[in-house]
């Protein structure tokens, strides 16, 4: 079963791609003929395939891969299954900065301020959490996670206060609410431009440091003895986390716990070797997020978002991890 896991993911990915591109309210024959007319220059009208389905698929695949890999990196660096960008408050910092961009209105003229704000917010939040943890002595991962949860709670409260201040602006509140809920509605090429460069850079960094992550799993002293420049490598990987988390946050909004649940499951099924773990997280994340989106569309769950579903599933999984007694077997 475990040896077939990558094959199952690949088959599911192809099925998901075909469903995303061909299934919708507009008939496929009409969609395909319209796309051909666009390619031949006979038409410039909106097309469901070219202007909605393809960019939506790219956003979902990139976001899923980004969230899964960023979670895998965090869990590896901190040797803890509860570590993820969301739990450590990184995502909350990015969300606050993006919210400020929404409230300022600058995104209407310069859309790329959204991913820029997301990445800067994620990185500043990471620095805050790491700084507070370091100020209180040698880093303990459990203590670090508690600090991250406290910072996240504070930043979420600030977001709520800001949204309440503009409650009379219904159009803005609707935009912010959909984004905070992790909605994938109306994704287009603008969102692809926000996400794709950050995803490619972040995934390349994670791929390039797979060997070093294996050595870091042995402990900092052992990694140094084996030739790893621990501090620079750790910060480069954390930078990859901020790029991946910020890109996904900018394009799809807050999708809670996806970066915690999925990498932990992949690690449990396939083992802690990052030479296989990182590519499998890319494949699993890029497959399961669009699959979940398709399932919600087929079941007509338009009143929910991926962020809602992921939050419920992830919350249950989070409680299960808190009471798990054998996590050391996977992360040690």
Protein backbone atom coordinates (compact mmCIF):
# COMPACT_ATOMS: atom_id res chain seq x y z
CA UNK A 1 0.00 0.00 0.00
CA UNK A 2 2.77 2.42 0.98
CA UNK A 3 4.74 1.70 -2.19
CA UNK A 4 1.63 2.54 -4.20
CA UNK A 5 1.03 5.81 -2.36
CA UNK A 6 2.83 8.03 -4.95
CA UNK A 7 1.05 6.22 -7.80
CA UNK A 8 -2.30 6.78 -6.12
CA UNK A 9 -1.51 10.49 -5.75
CA UNK A 10 -0.46 10.79 -9.40
CA UNK A 11 -3.65 9.05 -10.59
CA UNK A 12 -5.76 11.27 -8.33
CA UNK A 13 -3.94 14.36 -9.60
CA UNK A 14 -4.71 13.54 -13.25
CA UNK A 15 -8.34 12.83 -12.35
CA UNK A 16 -8.57 16.12 -10.46
CA UNK A 17 -7.03 18.06 -13.35
CA UNK A 18 -9.49 16.57 -15.83
CA UNK A 19 -12.48 17.29 -13.60
CA UNK A 20 -11.35 20.87 -12.90
CA UNK A 21 -10.82 21.67 -16.58
CA UNK A 22 -13.90 19.97 -18.03
CA UNK A 23 -16.63 20.13 -15.35
CA UNK A 24 -18.68 23.29 -14.86
CA UNK A 25 -21.87 25.14 -15.67
CA UNK A 26 -20.75 25.90 -19.22
CA UNK A 27 -20.80 22.92 -21.61
CA UNK A 28 -17.38 21.57 -22.57
CA UNK A 29 -18.00 21.88 -26.33
CA UNK A 30 -18.79 25.56 -25.94
CA UNK A 31 -15.79 26.09 -23.68
CA UNK A 32 -13.41 24.30 -26.05
CA UNK A 33 -14.65 26.08 -29.17
CA UNK A 34 -14.30 29.42 -27.39
CA UNK A 35 -10.73 28.56 -26.38
CA UNK A 36 -9.86 27.63 -29.96
CA UNK A 37 -11.30 30.92 -31.19
CA UNK A 38 -9.11 32.77 -28.67
CA UNK A 39 -6.00 30.94 -29.89
CA UNK A 40 -6.76 31.66 -33.54
CA UNK A 41 -7.50 35.32 -32.82
CA UNK A 42 -11.13 35.12 -33.88
CA UNK A 43 -12.45 36.07 -30.44
CA UNK A 44 -11.36 38.00 -27.36
CA UNK A 45 -14.34 37.22 -25.13
CA UNK A 46 -14.11 35.67 -21.67
CA UNK A 47 -13.58 31.91 -21.72
CA UNK A 48 -14.26 29.56 -18.79
CA UNK A 49 -11.25 27.36 -19.55
CA UNK A 50 -8.62 30.02 -20.17
CA UNK A 51 -9.82 32.70 -17.75
CA UNK A 52 -11.14 30.68 -14.81
CA UNK A 53 -10.45 26.94 -14.77
CA UNK A 54 -6.75 26.90 -15.71
CA UNK A 55 -5.71 29.74 -13.35
CA UNK A 56 -7.89 28.26 -10.59
CA UNK A 57 -6.16 24.90 -11.04
CA UNK A 58 -2.68 26.47 -10.98
CA UNK A 59 -3.53 28.42 -7.82
CA UNK A 60 -4.87 25.33 -6.05
CA UNK A 61 -1.92 23.12 -7.00
CA UNK A 62 0.66 25.74 -6.03
CA UNK A 63 -1.12 26.62 -2.78
CA UNK A 64 -1.46 22.98 -1.75
CA UNK A 65 2.18 22.22 -2.50
CA UNK A 66 3.33 25.40 -0.73
CA UNK A 67 1.36 24.72 2.44
CA UNK A 68 2.42 21.07 2.62
CA UNK A 69 6.13 21.75 2.09
CA UNK A 70 6.21 24.72 4.46
CA UNK A 71 4.66 22.53 7.15
CA UNK A 72 7.15 19.73 6.46
CA UNK A 73 10.07 22.16 6.83
CA UNK A 74 8.75 23.54 10.12
CA UNK A 75 8.14 20.08 11.57
CA UNK A 76 11.64 19.03 10.55
CA UNK A 77 13.44 22.08 11.90
CA UNK A 78 11.66 21.95 15.27
CA UNK A 79 11.38 18.14 15.54
CA UNK A 80 7.73 18.48 16.48
CA UNK A 81 4.54 17.30 14.69
CA UNK A 82 2.66 20.35 15.98
CA UNK A 83 4.94 22.85 14.27
CA UNK A 84 3.45 24.61 11.25
CA UNK A 85 3.30 28.19 9.94
CA UNK A 86 -0.23 28.56 11.28
CA UNK A 87 0.45 27.23 14.77
CA UNK A 88 3.62 29.31 15.18
CA UNK A 89 1.80 32.53 14.27
CA UNK A 90 3.58 33.07 10.94
CA UNK A 91 0.37 32.99 8.93
CA UNK A 92 -1.37 35.38 11.34
CA UNK A 93 1.36 37.98 10.81
CA UNK A 94 1.00 37.73 7.05
CA UNK A 95 -2.79 37.97 7.34
CA UNK A 96 -2.56 41.15 9.39
CA UNK A 97 -0.28 42.84 6.84
CA UNK A 98 -2.50 41.78 3.93
CA UNK A 99 -5.55 43.08 5.78
CA UNK A 100 -3.84 46.46 6.16
CA UNK A 101 -3.22 46.47 2.39
CA UNK A 102 -6.91 45.71 1.77
CA UNK A 103 -8.01 48.50 4.10
CA UNK A 104 -5.63 51.00 2.49
CA UNK A 105 -7.02 50.23 -0.98
CA UNK A 106 -3.57 50.21 -2.57
CA UNK A 107 -4.14 46.69 -3.91
CA UNK A 108 -6.59 48.05 -6.49
CA UNK A 109 -3.79 49.87 -8.29
CA UNK A 110 -0.83 47.66 -7.31
CA UNK A 111 -2.09 44.06 -6.85
CA UNK A 112 1.41 42.75 -6.12
CA UNK A 113 1.35 44.59 -2.79
CA UNK A 114 -0.78 41.69 -1.51
CA UNK A 115 1.90 38.95 -1.82
CA UNK A 116 4.59 41.43 -0.77
CA UNK A 117 2.68 42.27 2.41
CA UNK A 118 1.99 38.58 3.06
CA UNK A 119 5.67 37.62 2.84
CA UNK A 120 6.83 40.59 4.93
CA UNK A 121 4.17 39.90 7.56
CA UNK A 122 5.05 36.21 7.73
CA UNK A 123 8.75 36.97 8.14
CA UNK A 124 8.23 39.66 10.80
CA UNK A 125 5.95 37.34 12.76
CA UNK A 126 8.56 34.58 12.54
CA UNK A 127 11.25 36.97 13.83
CA UNK A 128 8.99 38.00 16.71
CA UNK A 129 8.26 34.43 17.77
CA UNK A 130 11.90 33.33 17.47
CA UNK A 131 13.09 36.45 19.28
CA UNK A 132 10.73 35.96 22.22
CA UNK A 133 11.67 32.29 22.47
CA UNK A 134 15.41 33.08 22.37
CA UNK A 135 15.06 35.81 25.01
CA UNK A 136 13.74 33.23 27.47
CA UNK A 137 16.73 30.91 27.22
CA UNK A 138 17.49 27.76 25.20
CA UNK A 139 14.75 26.98 22.72
CA UNK A 140 12.24 24.38 23.81
CA UNK A 141 9.91 23.40 20.97
CA UNK A 142 6.85 23.12 23.20
CA UNK A 143 7.55 26.57 24.64
CA UNK A 144 8.10 27.92 21.12
CA UNK A 145 4.72 26.56 19.99
CA UNK A 146 2.98 28.14 23.00
CA UNK A 147 4.58 31.51 22.16
CA UNK A 148 3.45 31.10 18.55
CA UNK A 149 -0.12 30.36 19.61
CA UNK A 150 -0.10 33.44 21.89
CA UNK A 151 1.23 35.68 19.11
CA UNK A 152 -1.28 34.23 16.66
CA UNK A 153 -4.15 34.89 19.07
CA UNK A 154 -3.04 38.52 19.52
CA UNK A 155 -2.67 39.13 15.77
CA UNK A 156 -6.05 37.55 15.01
CA UNK A 157 -7.64 39.80 17.63
CA UNK A 158 -6.06 42.84 15.94
CA UNK A 159 -7.48 41.70 12.61
CA UNK A 160 -10.92 41.40 14.12
CA UNK A 161 -10.68 44.91 15.56
CA UNK A 162 -9.62 46.38 12.19
CA UNK A 163 -12.45 44.65 10.34
CA UNK A 164 -14.94 45.89 12.93
CA UNK A 165 -13.72 49.46 12.38
CA UNK A 166 -14.75 49.31 8.70
CA UNK A 167 -17.97 47.33 9.25
CA UNK A 168 -20.00 50.00 7.41
CA UNK A 169 -18.06 49.37 4.18
CA UNK A 170 -19.98 46.28 3.09
CA UNK A 171 -18.07 45.71 -0.15
CA UNK A 172 -14.71 45.77 1.62
CA UNK A 173 -15.96 43.59 4.47
CA UNK A 174 -17.17 41.00 1.95
CA UNK A 175 -13.80 40.92 0.17
CA UNK A 176 -11.93 40.58 3.46
CA UNK A 177 -14.32 37.95 4.82
CA UNK A 178 -14.01 35.75 1.74
CA UNK A 179 -10.22 36.06 1.81
CA UNK A 180 -9.97 35.30 5.54
CA UNK A 181 -12.20 32.26 5.11
CA UNK A 182 -9.84 30.71 2.55
CA UNK A 183 -12.14 31.06 -0.43
CA UNK A 184 -11.06 29.80 -3.88
CA UNK A 185 -13.91 31.56 -5.65
CA UNK A 186 -13.07 33.66 -8.71
CA UNK A 187 -9.34 32.87 -8.86
CA UNK A 188 -7.75 34.30 -12.02
CA UNK A 189 -4.38 35.01 -13.64
CA UNK A 190 -3.76 37.88 -11.23
CA UNK A 191 -3.68 35.36 -8.39
CA UNK A 192 -1.35 33.13 -10.41
CA UNK A 193 1.07 36.04 -10.76
CA UNK A 194 0.91 36.60 -7.00
CA UNK A 195 1.61 32.98 -6.15
CA UNK A 196 3.65 31.19 -8.81
CA UNK A 197 7.03 32.99 -8.45
CA UNK A 198 7.01 32.62 -4.66
CA UNK A 199 6.03 28.97 -4.92
CA UNK A 200 8.78 28.13 -7.41
CA UNK A 201 11.48 29.86 -5.36
CA UNK A 202 10.31 28.33 -2.07
CA UNK A 203 9.97 24.81 -3.47
CA UNK A 204 13.38 25.04 -5.12
CA UNK A 205 14.93 26.03 -1.79
CA UNK A 206 13.26 23.15 0.03
CA UNK A 207 14.34 20.73 -2.71
CA UNK A 208 17.93 22.00 -2.65
CA UNK A 209 18.27 21.56 1.13
CA UNK A 210 16.72 18.08 1.40
CA UNK A 211 20.05 16.53 2.41
CA UNK A 212 20.77 19.21 5.01
CA UNK A 213 17.32 18.68 6.58
CA UNK A 214 18.14 15.00 7.00
CA UNK A 215 21.33 15.96 8.85
CA UNK A 216 19.59 18.61 10.95
CA UNK A 217 17.20 15.90 12.14
CA UNK A 218 20.19 14.34 13.93
CA UNK A 219 20.64 17.48 16.02
CA UNK A 220 22.59 20.71 15.55
CA UNK A 221 25.90 19.42 16.93
CA UNK A 222 25.83 16.27 14.85
CA UNK A 223 24.89 18.27 11.75
CA UNK A 224 27.83 20.64 12.32
CA UNK A 225 30.17 17.69 12.66
CA UNK A 226 28.91 16.41 9.33
CA UNK A 227 29.64 19.71 7.59
CA UNK A 228 26.32 21.61 7.78
CA UNK A 229 26.52 25.35 8.44
CA UNK A 230 23.55 25.09 10.75
CA UNK A 231 22.48 28.68 11.39
CA UNK A 232 22.56 29.94 7.76
CA UNK A 233 20.86 26.78 6.51
CA UNK A 234 18.14 27.06 9.15
CA UNK A 235 17.39 30.68 8.26
CA UNK A 236 17.38 29.94 4.52
CA UNK A 237 14.82 27.21 5.13
CA UNK A 238 12.75 29.56 7.29
CA UNK A 239 12.89 32.10 4.46
CA UNK A 240 11.52 29.40 2.15
CA UNK A 241 8.70 28.88 4.66
CA UNK A 242 7.81 32.59 4.60
CA UNK A 243 7.82 32.66 0.78
CA UNK A 244 5.63 29.55 0.52
CA UNK A 245 3.25 30.60 3.29
CA UNK A 246 3.04 34.19 2.06
CA UNK A 247 2.32 33.19 -1.53
CA UNK A 248 -0.43 30.77 -0.56
CA UNK A 249 -1.89 33.30 1.86
CA UNK A 250 -1.97 36.02 -0.79
CA UNK A 251 -3.67 33.84 -3.41
CA UNK A 252 -6.17 31.78 -1.41
CA UNK A 253 -6.39 33.36 2.02
CA UNK A 254 -6.06 31.53 5.31
CA UNK A 255 -6.32 27.74 4.99
CA UNK A 256 -5.88 26.55 8.56
CA UNK A 257 -4.05 23.35 9.54
CA UNK A 258 -3.45 22.11 5.97
CA UNK A 259 0.29 22.66 6.51
CA UNK A 260 0.11 20.70 9.77
CA UNK A 261 -1.99 17.68 8.86
CA UNK A 262 -0.72 16.73 5.42
CA UNK A 263 3.07 16.71 5.98
CA UNK A 264 2.60 14.77 9.20
CA UNK A 265 0.54 12.11 7.40
CA UNK A 266 3.05 11.87 4.55
CA UNK A 267 5.92 11.56 7.04
CA UNK A 268 4.07 8.85 8.94
CA UNK A 269 3.33 6.88 5.76
CA UNK A 270 6.64 7.28 3.93
CA UNK A 271 9.19 7.98 6.66
CA UNK A 272 11.34 10.99 7.62
CA UNK A 273 13.83 10.90 4.71
CA UNK A 274 13.53 14.36 3.16
CA UNK A 275 14.85 13.15 -0.19
CA UNK A 276 11.44 11.53 -0.65
CA UNK A 277 9.40 13.50 1.89
CA UNK A 278 9.72 16.90 0.14
CA UNK A 279 8.71 15.68 -3.36
CA UNK A 280 5.87 13.63 -1.86
CA UNK A 281 4.61 16.67 0.06
CA UNK A 282 4.68 18.66 -3.19
CA UNK A 283 2.70 15.91 -4.91
CA UNK A 284 0.28 15.34 -2.03
CA UNK A 285 -0.40 19.03 -1.42
CA UNK A 286 -0.78 19.79 -5.12
CA UNK A 287 -3.23 16.90 -5.43
CA UNK A 288 -5.37 17.04 -2.31
CA UNK A 289 -6.19 20.77 -2.22
CA UNK A 290 -7.72 20.83 -5.75
CA UNK A 291 -9.36 17.48 -5.00
CA UNK A 292 -11.02 18.97 -1.92
CA UNK A 293 -12.11 21.97 -3.98
CA UNK A 294 -13.65 19.70 -6.63
CA UNK A 295 -15.43 17.63 -3.99
CA UNK A 296 -17.01 20.78 -2.54
CA UNK A 297 -18.14 21.89 -5.99
CA UNK A 298 -19.61 18.48 -6.87
CA UNK A 299 -21.44 18.33 -3.53
CA UNK A 300 -22.67 21.94 -4.01
CA UNK A 301 -21.13 23.14 -0.72
CA UNK A 302 -20.90 26.74 -1.91
CA UNK A 303 -21.76 27.98 1.58
CA UNK A 304 -18.40 26.63 2.82
CA UNK A 305 -14.80 27.32 1.81
CA UNK A 306 -11.68 25.16 1.72
CA UNK A 307 -10.48 27.13 4.72
CA UNK A 308 -13.60 26.13 6.69
CA UNK A 309 -13.28 22.43 5.88
CA UNK A 310 -9.54 22.36 6.46
CA UNK A 311 -9.96 24.15 9.77
CA UNK A 312 -12.49 21.60 11.07
CA UNK A 313 -10.48 18.56 9.95
CA UNK A 314 -7.20 20.10 11.11
CA UNK A 315 -8.58 21.06 14.49
CA UNK A 316 -9.64 17.49 15.19
CA UNK A 317 -6.27 16.24 13.96
CA UNK A 318 -4.48 18.78 16.17
CA UNK A 319 -6.21 17.43 19.27
CA UNK A 320 -5.32 13.89 18.22
CA UNK A 321 -1.65 14.86 17.92
CA UNK A 322 -1.67 16.40 21.39
CA UNK A 323 -2.53 12.99 22.84
CA UNK A 324 -0.30 10.96 20.56
CA UNK A 325 2.38 9.11 22.45
CA UNK A 326 4.55 7.75 19.67
CA UNK A 327 5.36 10.87 17.60
CA UNK A 328 9.04 10.60 18.59
CA UNK A 329 9.32 7.54 16.38
CA UNK A 330 8.71 9.70 13.31
CA UNK A 331 10.51 12.93 14.24
CA UNK A 332 13.51 11.82 16.28
